[in-house]
Amino acid sequence: MNVADIGRAKEFWGAALGYQSGEHNEAILLPRGGSGPALLFDESDRTHLDLWVANAAEQHAEVERLLALGATRVDWVYPDGADFVVLADTEGNLFCVVDAGG
């Protein structure tokens, strides 16, 4: 979620949803019970969905499945060791498929 102030947004959304801070990332909120979507706050990126998969093999399979459904690859400059693949849905909305094991 794109925000101007990560700390302020985390405080609000944490209280509003009953979420807690992520263990390894200060910009993430997670459901207390472990069930439900995580919220990742970013001060520079557009709001988009991240679809998490368990490992690189699942990531490859999921990317191929989504491409077959009509998603398209996005020309993206990836950092070294990137654990995500950027795609666009049929309406041009960007989203990522993230390797949670990487």
PDB file of N, CA and C in Angstrom:
ATOM      1  N   MET A   1       0.846  -1.169   0.000  1.00  0.00           N
ATOM      2  CA  MET A   1       0.000   0.000   0.000  1.00  0.00           C
ATOM      3  C   MET A   1       0.891   1.231   0.000  1.00  0.00           C
ATOM      4  N   ASN A   2       0.644   2.133  -0.906  1.00  0.00           N
ATOM      5  CA  ASN A   2       1.437   3.356  -0.988  1.00  0.00           C
ATOM      6  C   ASN A   2       0.993   4.323   0.103  1.00  0.00           C
ATOM      7  N   VAL A   3       1.953   4.785   0.917  1.00  0.00           N
ATOM      8  CA  VAL A   3       1.664   5.694   2.027  1.00  0.00           C
ATOM      9  C   VAL A   3       2.729   6.781   2.084  1.00  0.00           C
ATOM     10  N   ALA A   4       2.407   7.889   2.742  1.00  0.00           N
ATOM     11  CA  ALA A   4       3.378   8.969   2.926  1.00  0.00           C
ATOM     12  C   ALA A   4       4.237   8.739   4.158  1.00  0.00           C
ATOM     13  N   ASP A   5       3.711   8.025   5.157  1.00  0.00           N
ATOM     14  CA  ASP A   5       4.422   7.797   6.415  1.00  0.00           C
ATOM     15  C   ASP A   5       4.145   6.369   6.881  1.00  0.00           C
ATOM     16  N   ILE A   6       5.134   5.487   6.757  1.00  0.00           N
ATOM     17  CA  ILE A   6       4.949   4.068   7.076  1.00  0.00           C
ATOM     18  C   ILE A   6       4.541   3.875   8.536  1.00  0.00           C
ATOM     19  N   GLY A   7       5.222   4.557   9.457  1.00  0.00           N
ATOM     20  CA  GLY A   7       4.904   4.403  10.875  1.00  0.00           C
ATOM     21  C   GLY A   7       3.478   4.785  11.199  1.00  0.00           C
ATOM     22  N   ARG A   8       3.037   5.899  10.666  1.00  0.00           N
ATOM     23  CA  ARG A   8       1.667   6.370  10.914  1.00  0.00           C
ATOM     24  C   ARG A   8       0.651   5.396  10.316  1.00  0.00           C
ATOM     25  N   ALA A   9       0.920   4.928   9.094  1.00  0.00           N
ATOM     26  CA  ALA A   9       0.002   3.993   8.438  1.00  0.00           C
ATOM     27  C   ALA A   9      -0.054   2.667   9.195  1.00  0.00           C
ATOM     28  N   LYS A  10       1.092   2.183   9.650  1.00  0.00           N
ATOM     29  CA  LYS A  10       1.114   0.924  10.413  1.00  0.00           C
ATOM     30  C   LYS A  10       0.326   1.056  11.703  1.00  0.00           C
ATOM     31  N   GLU A  11       0.469   2.172  12.380  1.00  0.00           N
ATOM     32  CA  GLU A  11      -0.253   2.378  13.641  1.00  0.00           C
ATOM     33  C   GLU A  11      -1.763   2.360  13.390  1.00  0.00           C
ATOM     34  N   PHE A  12      -2.194   3.110  12.372  1.00  0.00           N
ATOM     35  CA  PHE A  12      -3.624   3.166  12.068  1.00  0.00           C
ATOM     36  C   PHE A  12      -4.166   1.807  11.647  1.00  0.00           C
ATOM     37  N   TRP A  13      -3.562   1.197  10.595  1.00  0.00           N
ATOM     38  CA  TRP A  13      -4.091  -0.047  10.062  1.00  0.00           C
ATOM     39  C   TRP A  13      -3.913  -1.216  11.022  1.00  0.00           C
ATOM     40  N   GLY A  14      -2.843  -1.188  11.819  1.00  0.00           N
ATOM     41  CA  GLY A  14      -2.679  -2.224  12.837  1.00  0.00           C
ATOM     42  C   GLY A  14      -3.825  -2.212  13.828  1.00  0.00           C
ATOM     43  N   ALA A  15      -4.189  -1.006  14.294  1.00  0.00           N
ATOM     44  CA  ALA A  15      -5.299  -0.876  15.230  1.00  0.00           C
ATOM     45  C   ALA A  15      -6.643  -1.152  14.553  1.00  0.00           C
ATOM     46  N   ALA A  16      -6.815  -0.662  13.331  1.00  0.00           N
ATOM     47  CA  ALA A  16      -8.082  -0.825  12.624  1.00  0.00           C
ATOM     48  C   ALA A  16      -8.395  -2.285  12.328  1.00  0.00           C
ATOM     49  N   LEU A  17      -7.362  -3.051  11.973  1.00  0.00           N
ATOM     50  CA  LEU A  17      -7.566  -4.443  11.563  1.00  0.00           C
ATOM     51  C   LEU A  17      -7.147  -5.469  12.613  1.00  0.00           C
ATOM     52  N   GLY A  18      -6.516  -5.015  13.699  1.00  0.00           N
ATOM     53  CA  GLY A  18      -6.004  -5.955  14.688  1.00  0.00           C
ATOM     54  C   GLY A  18      -4.788  -6.710  14.196  1.00  0.00           C
ATOM     55  N   TYR A  19      -4.005  -6.081  13.315  1.00  0.00           N
ATOM     56  CA  TYR A  19      -2.813  -6.704  12.746  1.00  0.00           C
ATOM     57  C   TYR A  19      -1.596  -6.381  13.612  1.00  0.00           C
ATOM     58  N   GLN A  20      -0.529  -7.128  13.414  1.00  0.00           N
ATOM     59  CA  GLN A  20       0.720  -6.924  14.147  1.00  0.00           C
ATOM     60  C   GLN A  20       1.882  -6.782  13.172  1.00  0.00           C
ATOM     61  N   SER A  21       2.966  -6.203  13.651  1.00  0.00           N
ATOM     62  CA  SER A  21       4.155  -6.004  12.808  1.00  0.00           C
ATOM     63  C   SER A  21       4.750  -7.329  12.381  1.00  0.00           C
ATOM     64  N   GLY A  22       5.301  -7.344  11.171  1.00  0.00           N
ATOM     65  CA  GLY A  22       5.989  -8.523  10.674  1.00  0.00           C
ATOM     66  C   GLY A  22       7.319  -8.697  11.372  1.00  0.00           C
ATOM     67  N   GLU A  23       7.740  -9.922  11.499  1.00  0.00           N
ATOM     68  CA  GLU A  23       8.970 -10.249  12.227  1.00  0.00           C
ATOM     69  C   GLU A  23      10.226  -9.780  11.501  1.00  0.00           C
ATOM     70  N   HIS A  24      10.269  -9.902  10.178  1.00  0.00           N
ATOM     71  CA  HIS A  24      11.490  -9.630   9.419  1.00  0.00           C
ATOM     72  C   HIS A  24      11.421  -8.358   8.578  1.00  0.00           C
ATOM     73  N   ASN A  25      10.298  -7.652   8.632  1.00  0.00           N
ATOM     74  CA  ASN A  25      10.151  -6.468   7.793  1.00  0.00           C
ATOM     75  C   ASN A  25       9.337  -5.429   8.559  1.00  0.00           C
ATOM     76  N   GLU A  26       9.948  -4.310   8.850  1.00  0.00           N
ATOM     77  CA  GLU A  26       9.287  -3.254   9.618  1.00  0.00           C
ATOM     78  C   GLU A  26       8.136  -2.596   8.871  1.00  0.00           C
ATOM     79  N   ALA A  27       8.044  -2.802   7.570  1.00  0.00           N
ATOM     80  CA  ALA A  27       7.000  -2.148   6.779  1.00  0.00           C
ATOM     81  C   ALA A  27       5.811  -3.062   6.520  1.00  0.00           C
ATOM     82  N   ILE A  28       5.717  -4.179   7.239  1.00  0.00           N
ATOM     83  CA  ILE A  28       4.644  -5.130   6.966  1.00  0.00           C
ATOM     84  C   ILE A  28       3.782  -5.334   8.212  1.00  0.00           C
ATOM     85  N   LEU A  29       2.481  -5.515   7.990  1.00  0.00           N
ATOM     86  CA  LEU A  29       1.546  -5.899   9.039  1.00  0.00           C
ATOM     87  C   LEU A  29       0.932  -7.235   8.657  1.00  0.00           C
ATOM     88  N   LEU A  30       0.772  -8.096   9.664  1.00  0.00           N
ATOM     89  CA  LEU A  30       0.230  -9.431   9.437  1.00  0.00           C
ATOM     90  C   LEU A  30      -0.965  -9.676  10.346  1.00  0.00           C
ATOM     91  N   PRO A  31      -1.923 -10.484   9.902  1.00  0.00           N
ATOM     92  CA  PRO A  31      -3.048 -10.824  10.767  1.00  0.00           C
ATOM     93  C   PRO A  31      -2.547 -11.577  12.004  1.00  0.00           C
ATOM     94  N   ARG A  32      -3.098 -11.267  13.161  1.00  0.00           N
ATOM     95  CA  ARG A  32      -2.654 -11.923  14.406  1.00  0.00           C
ATOM     96  C   ARG A  32      -2.867 -13.438  14.356  1.00  0.00           C
ATOM     97  N   GLY A  33      -3.949 -13.891  13.769  1.00  0.00           N
ATOM     98  CA  GLY A  33      -4.229 -15.314  13.704  1.00  0.00           C
ATOM     99  C   GLY A  33      -3.525 -16.028  12.567  1.00  0.00           C
ATOM    100  N   GLY A  34      -2.832 -15.276  11.715  1.00  0.00           N
ATOM    101  CA  GLY A  34      -2.108 -15.877  10.606  1.00  0.00           C
ATOM    102  C   GLY A  34      -2.956 -16.118   9.374  1.00  0.00           C
ATOM    103  N   SER A  35      -4.242 -15.795   9.434  1.00  0.00           N
ATOM    104  CA  SER A  35      -5.119 -16.023   8.294  1.00  0.00           C
ATOM    105  C   SER A  35      -5.593 -14.690   7.739  1.00  0.00           C
ATOM    106  N   GLY A  36      -5.304 -14.444   6.471  1.00  0.00           N
ATOM    107  CA  GLY A  36      -5.720 -13.205   5.837  1.00  0.00           C
ATOM    108  C   GLY A  36      -4.559 -12.557   5.119  1.00  0.00           C
ATOM    109  N   PRO A  37      -4.846 -11.505   4.365  1.00  0.00           N
ATOM    110  CA  PRO A  37      -3.795 -10.857   3.586  1.00  0.00           C
ATOM    111  C   PRO A  37      -2.855 -10.032   4.455  1.00  0.00           C
ATOM    112  N   ALA A  38      -1.595 -10.008   4.081  1.00  0.00           N
ATOM    113  CA  ALA A  38      -0.609  -9.150   4.735  1.00  0.00           C
ATOM    114  C   ALA A  38      -0.671  -7.772   4.072  1.00  0.00           C
ATOM    115  N   LEU A  39      -0.294  -6.737   4.815  1.00  0.00           N
ATOM    116  CA  LEU A  39      -0.203  -5.388   4.269  1.00  0.00           C
ATOM    117  C   LEU A  39       1.250  -4.963   4.281  1.00  0.00           C
ATOM    118  N   LEU A  40       1.762  -4.568   3.133  1.00  0.00           N
ATOM    119  CA  LEU A  40       3.121  -4.055   3.015  1.00  0.00           C
ATOM    120  C   LEU A  40       3.027  -2.587   2.643  1.00  0.00           C
ATOM    121  N   PHE A  41       3.639  -1.734   3.443  1.00  0.00           N
ATOM    122  CA  PHE A  41       3.594  -0.296   3.212  1.00  0.00           C
ATOM    123  C   PHE A  41       4.865   0.161   2.518  1.00  0.00           C
ATOM    124  N   ASP A  42       4.698   1.068   1.565  1.00  0.00           N
ATOM    125  CA  ASP A  42       5.829   1.565   0.792  1.00  0.00           C
ATOM    126  C   ASP A  42       5.599   3.040   0.512  1.00  0.00           C
ATOM    127  N   GLU A  43       6.630   3.847   0.680  1.00  0.00           N
ATOM    128  CA  GLU A  43       6.510   5.284   0.475  1.00  0.00           C
ATOM    129  C   GLU A  43       6.800   5.710  -0.965  1.00  0.00           C
ATOM    130  N   SER A  44       7.234   4.779  -1.805  1.00  0.00           N
ATOM    131  CA  SER A  44       7.592   5.175  -3.161  1.00  0.00           C
ATOM    132  C   SER A  44       6.932   4.353  -4.258  1.00  0.00           C
ATOM    133  N   ASP A  45       6.342   3.227  -3.941  1.00  0.00           N
ATOM    134  CA  ASP A  45       5.789   2.332  -4.947  1.00  0.00           C
ATOM    135  C   ASP A  45       4.276   2.476  -5.022  1.00  0.00           C
ATOM    136  N   ARG A  46       3.726   2.178  -6.199  1.00  0.00           N
ATOM    137  CA  ARG A  46       2.272   2.187  -6.355  1.00  0.00           C
ATOM    138  C   ARG A  46       1.663   1.005  -5.630  1.00  0.00           C
ATOM    139  N   THR A  47       0.410   1.144  -5.262  1.00  0.00           N
ATOM    140  CA  THR A  47      -0.311   0.046  -4.638  1.00  0.00           C
ATOM    141  C   THR A  47      -0.479  -1.081  -5.654  1.00  0.00           C
ATOM    142  N   HIS A  48      -0.154  -2.292  -5.241  1.00  0.00           N
ATOM    143  CA  HIS A  48      -0.326  -3.442  -6.116  1.00  0.00           C
ATOM    144  C   HIS A  48      -0.421  -4.701  -5.271  1.00  0.00           C
ATOM    145  N   LEU A  49      -0.874  -5.770  -5.858  1.00  0.00           N
ATOM    146  CA  LEU A  49      -0.963  -7.052  -5.176  1.00  0.00           C
ATOM    147  C   LEU A  49       0.356  -7.797  -5.271  1.00  0.00           C
ATOM    148  N   ASP A  50       0.706  -8.502  -4.203  1.00  0.00           N
ATOM    149  CA  ASP A  50       1.801  -9.462  -4.217  1.00  0.00           C
ATOM    150  C   ASP A  50       1.191 -10.828  -3.964  1.00  0.00           C
ATOM    151  N   LEU A  51       1.409 -11.750  -4.870  1.00  0.00           N
ATOM    152  CA  LEU A  51       0.958 -13.126  -4.699  1.00  0.00           C
ATOM    153  C   LEU A  51       2.164 -13.944  -4.260  1.00  0.00           C
ATOM    154  N   TRP A  52       2.103 -14.532  -3.078  1.00  0.00           N
ATOM    155  CA  TRP A  52       3.243 -15.251  -2.494  1.00  0.00           C
ATOM    156  C   TRP A  52       3.118 -16.743  -2.767  1.00  0.00           C
ATOM    157  N   VAL A  53       4.228 -17.344  -3.143  1.00  0.00           N
ATOM    158  CA  VAL A  53       4.312 -18.792  -3.355  1.00  0.00           C
ATOM    159  C   VAL A  53       5.475 -19.329  -2.524  1.00  0.00           C
ATOM    160  N   ALA A  54       5.507 -20.626  -2.327  1.00  0.00           N
ATOM    161  CA  ALA A  54       6.454 -21.233  -1.382  1.00  0.00           C
ATOM    162  C   ALA A  54       7.895 -21.281  -1.851  1.00  0.00           C
ATOM    163  N   ASN A  55       8.118 -21.408  -3.171  1.00  0.00           N
ATOM    164  CA  ASN A  55       9.491 -21.584  -3.646  1.00  0.00           C
ATOM    165  C   ASN A  55       9.595 -21.201  -5.123  1.00  0.00           C
ATOM    166  N   ALA A  56      10.800 -21.291  -5.662  1.00  0.00           N
ATOM    167  CA  ALA A  56      11.044 -20.881  -7.050  1.00  0.00           C
ATOM    168  C   ALA A  56      10.264 -21.730  -8.052  1.00  0.00           C
ATOM    169  N   ALA A  57      10.118 -23.019  -7.790  1.00  0.00           N
ATOM    170  CA  ALA A  57       9.375 -23.890  -8.711  1.00  0.00           C
ATOM    171  C   ALA A  57       7.899 -23.484  -8.755  1.00  0.00           C
ATOM    172  N   GLU A  58       7.323 -23.200  -7.587  1.00  0.00           N
ATOM    173  CA  GLU A  58       5.931 -22.748  -7.550  1.00  0.00           C
ATOM    174  C   GLU A  58       5.781 -21.385  -8.222  1.00  0.00           C
ATOM    175  N   GLN A  59       6.792 -20.530  -8.042  1.00  0.00           N
ATOM    176  CA  GLN A  59       6.747 -19.217  -8.668  1.00  0.00           C
ATOM    177  C   GLN A  59       6.694 -19.361 -10.191  1.00  0.00           C
ATOM    178  N   HIS A  60       7.566 -20.190 -10.731  1.00  0.00           N
ATOM    179  CA  HIS A  60       7.594 -20.402 -12.185  1.00  0.00           C
ATOM    180  C   HIS A  60       6.242 -20.943 -12.668  1.00  0.00           C
ATOM    181  N   ALA A  61       5.709 -21.936 -11.969  1.00  0.00           N
ATOM    182  CA  ALA A  61       4.429 -22.526 -12.361  1.00  0.00           C
ATOM    183  C   ALA A  61       3.305 -21.503 -12.273  1.00  0.00           C
ATOM    184  N   GLU A  62       3.301 -20.677 -11.219  1.00  0.00           N
ATOM    185  CA  GLU A  62       2.246 -19.683 -11.056  1.00  0.00           C
ATOM    186  C   GLU A  62       2.337 -18.594 -12.123  1.00  0.00           C
ATOM    187  N   VAL A  63       3.547 -18.150 -12.441  1.00  0.00           N
ATOM    188  CA  VAL A  63       3.721 -17.154 -13.498  1.00  0.00           C
ATOM    189  C   VAL A  63       3.192 -17.709 -14.821  1.00  0.00           C
ATOM    190  N   GLU A  64       3.531 -18.933 -15.144  1.00  0.00           N
ATOM    191  CA  GLU A  64       3.070 -19.541 -16.388  1.00  0.00           C
ATOM    192  C   GLU A  64       1.553 -19.678 -16.404  1.00  0.00           C
ATOM    193  N   ARG A  65       0.953 -20.059 -15.280  1.00  0.00           N
ATOM    194  CA  ARG A  65      -0.501 -20.184 -15.173  1.00  0.00           C
ATOM    195  C   ARG A  65      -1.168 -18.826 -15.406  1.00  0.00           C
ATOM    196  N   LEU A  66      -0.620 -17.787 -14.785  1.00  0.00           N
ATOM    197  CA  LEU A  66      -1.204 -16.448 -14.919  1.00  0.00           C
ATOM    198  C   LEU A  66      -1.043 -15.907 -16.334  1.00  0.00           C
ATOM    199  N   LEU A  67       0.086 -16.178 -16.960  1.00  0.00           N
ATOM    200  CA  LEU A  67       0.271 -15.777 -18.353  1.00  0.00           C
ATOM    201  C   LEU A  67      -0.764 -16.460 -19.252  1.00  0.00           C
ATOM    202  N   ALA A  68      -1.037 -17.722 -18.994  1.00  0.00           N
ATOM    203  CA  ALA A  68      -2.033 -18.452 -19.782  1.00  0.00           C
ATOM    204  C   ALA A  68      -3.438 -17.882 -19.577  1.00  0.00           C
ATOM    205  N   LEU A  69      -3.681 -17.267 -18.416  1.00  0.00           N
ATOM    206  CA  LEU A  69      -4.984 -16.653 -18.135  1.00  0.00           C
ATOM    207  C   LEU A  69      -5.122 -15.259 -18.736  1.00  0.00           C
ATOM    208  N   GLY A  70      -4.020 -14.711 -19.270  1.00  0.00           N
ATOM    209  CA  GLY A  70      -4.095 -13.410 -19.907  1.00  0.00           C
ATOM    210  C   GLY A  70      -3.189 -12.342 -19.319  1.00  0.00           C
ATOM    211  N   ALA A  71      -2.458 -12.658 -18.269  1.00  0.00           N
ATOM    212  CA  ALA A  71      -1.486 -11.702 -17.732  1.00  0.00           C
ATOM    213  C   ALA A  71      -0.370 -11.506 -18.751  1.00  0.00           C
ATOM    214  N   THR A  72       0.366 -10.417 -18.606  1.00  0.00           N
ATOM    215  CA  THR A  72       1.510 -10.162 -19.481  1.00  0.00           C
ATOM    216  C   THR A  72       2.729  -9.835 -18.632  1.00  0.00           C
ATOM    217  N   ARG A  73       3.897 -10.153 -19.187  1.00  0.00           N
ATOM    218  CA  ARG A  73       5.147  -9.791 -18.525  1.00  0.00           C
ATOM    219  C   ARG A  73       5.365  -8.296 -18.668  1.00  0.00           C
ATOM    220  N   VAL A  74       5.929  -7.690 -17.642  1.00  0.00           N
ATOM    221  CA  VAL A  74       6.203  -6.262 -17.637  1.00  0.00           C
ATOM    222  C   VAL A  74       7.705  -6.070 -17.775  1.00  0.00           C
ATOM    223  N   ASP A  75       8.104  -5.152 -18.649  1.00  0.00           N
ATOM    224  CA  ASP A  75       9.511  -4.813 -18.787  1.00  0.00           C
ATOM    225  C   ASP A  75       9.928  -4.094 -17.507  1.00  0.00           C
ATOM    226  N   TRP A  76      10.706  -4.749 -16.663  1.00  0.00           N
ATOM    227  CA  TRP A  76      11.042  -4.255 -15.333  1.00  0.00           C
ATOM    228  C   TRP A  76      12.536  -4.369 -15.105  1.00  0.00           C
ATOM    229  N   VAL A  77      13.117  -3.420 -14.438  1.00  0.00           N
ATOM    230  CA  VAL A  77      14.525  -3.500 -14.053  1.00  0.00           C
ATOM    231  C   VAL A  77      14.574  -4.136 -12.669  1.00  0.00           C
ATOM    232  N   TYR A  78      15.014  -5.378 -12.624  1.00  0.00           N
ATOM    233  CA  TYR A  78      15.040  -6.138 -11.372  1.00  0.00           C
ATOM    234  C   TYR A  78      16.369  -5.929 -10.648  1.00  0.00           C
ATOM    235  N   PRO A  79      16.335  -5.805  -9.312  1.00  0.00           N
ATOM    236  CA  PRO A  79      17.585  -5.749  -8.555  1.00  0.00           C
ATOM    237  C   PRO A  79      18.231  -7.131  -8.540  1.00  0.00           C
ATOM    238  N   ASP A  80      19.511  -7.194  -8.250  1.00  0.00           N
ATOM    239  CA  ASP A  80      20.191  -8.484  -8.129  1.00  0.00           C
ATOM    240  C   ASP A  80      19.493  -9.327  -7.064  1.00  0.00           C
ATOM    241  N   GLY A  81      19.284 -10.588  -7.372  1.00  0.00           N
ATOM    242  CA  GLY A  81      18.681 -11.507  -6.411  1.00  0.00           C
ATOM    243  C   GLY A  81      17.194 -11.297  -6.185  1.00  0.00           C
ATOM    244  N   ALA A  82      16.529 -10.627  -7.105  1.00  0.00           N
ATOM    245  CA  ALA A  82      15.094 -10.362  -6.946  1.00  0.00           C
ATOM    246  C   ALA A  82      14.329 -11.666  -6.725  1.00  0.00           C
ATOM    247  N   ASP A  83      13.390 -11.636  -5.776  1.00  0.00           N
ATOM    248  CA  ASP A  83      12.574 -12.810  -5.485  1.00  0.00           C
ATOM    249  C   ASP A  83      11.157 -12.645  -6.034  1.00  0.00           C
ATOM    250  N   PHE A  84      10.969 -11.705  -6.934  1.00  0.00           N
ATOM    251  CA  PHE A  84       9.639 -11.415  -7.466  1.00  0.00           C
ATOM    252  C   PHE A  84       9.672 -11.299  -8.988  1.00  0.00           C
ATOM    253  N   VAL A  85       8.502 -11.537  -9.587  1.00  0.00           N
ATOM    254  CA  VAL A  85       8.301 -11.353 -11.023  1.00  0.00           C
ATOM    255  C   VAL A  85       7.134 -10.381 -11.167  1.00  0.00           C
ATOM    256  N   VAL A  86       7.310  -9.345 -11.971  1.00  0.00           N
ATOM    257  CA  VAL A  86       6.269  -8.344 -12.176  1.00  0.00           C
ATOM    258  C   VAL A  86       5.459  -8.694 -13.417  1.00  0.00           C
ATOM    259  N   LEU A  87       4.150  -8.747 -13.233  1.00  0.00           N
ATOM    260  CA  LEU A  87       3.217  -9.014 -14.321  1.00  0.00           C
ATOM    261  C   LEU A  87       2.160  -7.918 -14.329  1.00  0.00           C
ATOM    262  N   ALA A  88       1.383  -7.858 -15.395  1.00  0.00           N
ATOM    263  CA  ALA A  88       0.219  -6.985 -15.467  1.00  0.00           C
ATOM    264  C   ALA A  88      -1.002  -7.844 -15.739  1.00  0.00           C
ATOM    265  N   ASP A  89      -2.114  -7.483 -15.106  1.00  0.00           N
ATOM    266  CA  ASP A  89      -3.347  -8.217 -15.377  1.00  0.00           C
ATOM    267  C   ASP A  89      -3.946  -7.750 -16.698  1.00  0.00           C
ATOM    268  N   THR A  90      -5.107  -8.235 -17.025  1.00  0.00           N
ATOM    269  CA  THR A  90      -5.722  -7.918 -18.309  1.00  0.00           C
ATOM    270  C   THR A  90      -6.137  -6.453 -18.433  1.00  0.00           C
ATOM    271  N   GLU A  91      -6.154  -5.721 -17.312  1.00  0.00           N
ATOM    272  CA  GLU A  91      -6.495  -4.300 -17.311  1.00  0.00           C
ATOM    273  C   GLU A  91      -5.269  -3.410 -17.201  1.00  0.00           C
ATOM    274  N   GLY A  92      -4.078  -4.030 -17.164  1.00  0.00           N
ATOM    275  CA  GLY A  92      -2.840  -3.268 -17.060  1.00  0.00           C
ATOM    276  C   GLY A  92      -2.378  -2.988 -15.651  1.00  0.00           C
ATOM    277  N   ASN A  93      -3.087  -3.517 -14.647  1.00  0.00           N
ATOM    278  CA  ASN A  93      -2.677  -3.342 -13.253  1.00  0.00           C
ATOM    279  C   ASN A  93      -1.475  -4.224 -12.940  1.00  0.00           C
ATOM    280  N   LEU A  94      -0.447  -3.636 -12.341  1.00  0.00           N
ATOM    281  CA  LEU A  94       0.748  -4.393 -12.011  1.00  0.00           C
ATOM    282  C   LEU A  94       0.527  -5.246 -10.762  1.00  0.00           C
ATOM    283  N   PHE A  95       1.153  -6.407 -10.740  1.00  0.00           N
ATOM    284  CA  PHE A  95       1.186  -7.245  -9.535  1.00  0.00           C
ATOM    285  C   PHE A  95       2.447  -8.095  -9.592  1.00  0.00           C
ATOM    286  N   CYS A  96       2.830  -8.650  -8.457  1.00  0.00           N
ATOM    287  CA  CYS A  96       4.057  -9.444  -8.377  1.00  0.00           C
ATOM    288  C   CYS A  96       3.738 -10.853  -7.918  1.00  0.00           C
ATOM    289  N   VAL A  97       4.535 -11.797  -8.377  1.00  0.00           N
ATOM    290  CA  VAL A  97       4.540 -13.155  -7.861  1.00  0.00           C
ATOM    291  C   VAL A  97       5.845 -13.308  -7.123  1.00  0.00           C
ATOM    292  N   VAL A  98       5.761 -13.488  -5.807  1.00  0.00           N
ATOM    293  CA  VAL A  98       6.933 -13.457  -4.927  1.00  0.00           C
ATOM    294  C   VAL A  98       7.265 -14.856  -4.434  1.00  0.00           C
ATOM    295  N   ASP A  99       8.538 -15.203  -4.524  1.00  0.00           N
ATOM    296  CA  ASP A  99       9.064 -16.473  -3.989  1.00  0.00           C
ATOM    297  C   ASP A  99       9.340 -16.278  -2.504  1.00  0.00           C
ATOM    298  N   ALA A 100       8.460 -16.764  -1.644  1.00  0.00           N
ATOM    299  CA  ALA A 100       8.618 -16.594  -0.199  1.00  0.00           C
ATOM    300  C   ALA A 100       9.790 -17.402   0.342  1.00  0.00           C
ATOM    301  N   GLY A 101      10.230 -18.391  -0.399  1.00  0.00           N
ATOM    302  CA  GLY A 101      11.366 -19.201   0.047  1.00  0.00           C
ATOM    303  C   GLY A 101      12.710 -18.588  -0.299  1.00  0.00           C
ATOM    304  N   GLY A 102      12.697 -17.536  -1.120  1.00  0.00           N
ATOM    305  CA  GLY A 102      13.941 -16.917  -1.569  1.00  0.00           C
ATOM    306  C   GLY A 102      14.297 -15.797  -0.727  1.00  0.00           C
TER     307      GLY A 102
END
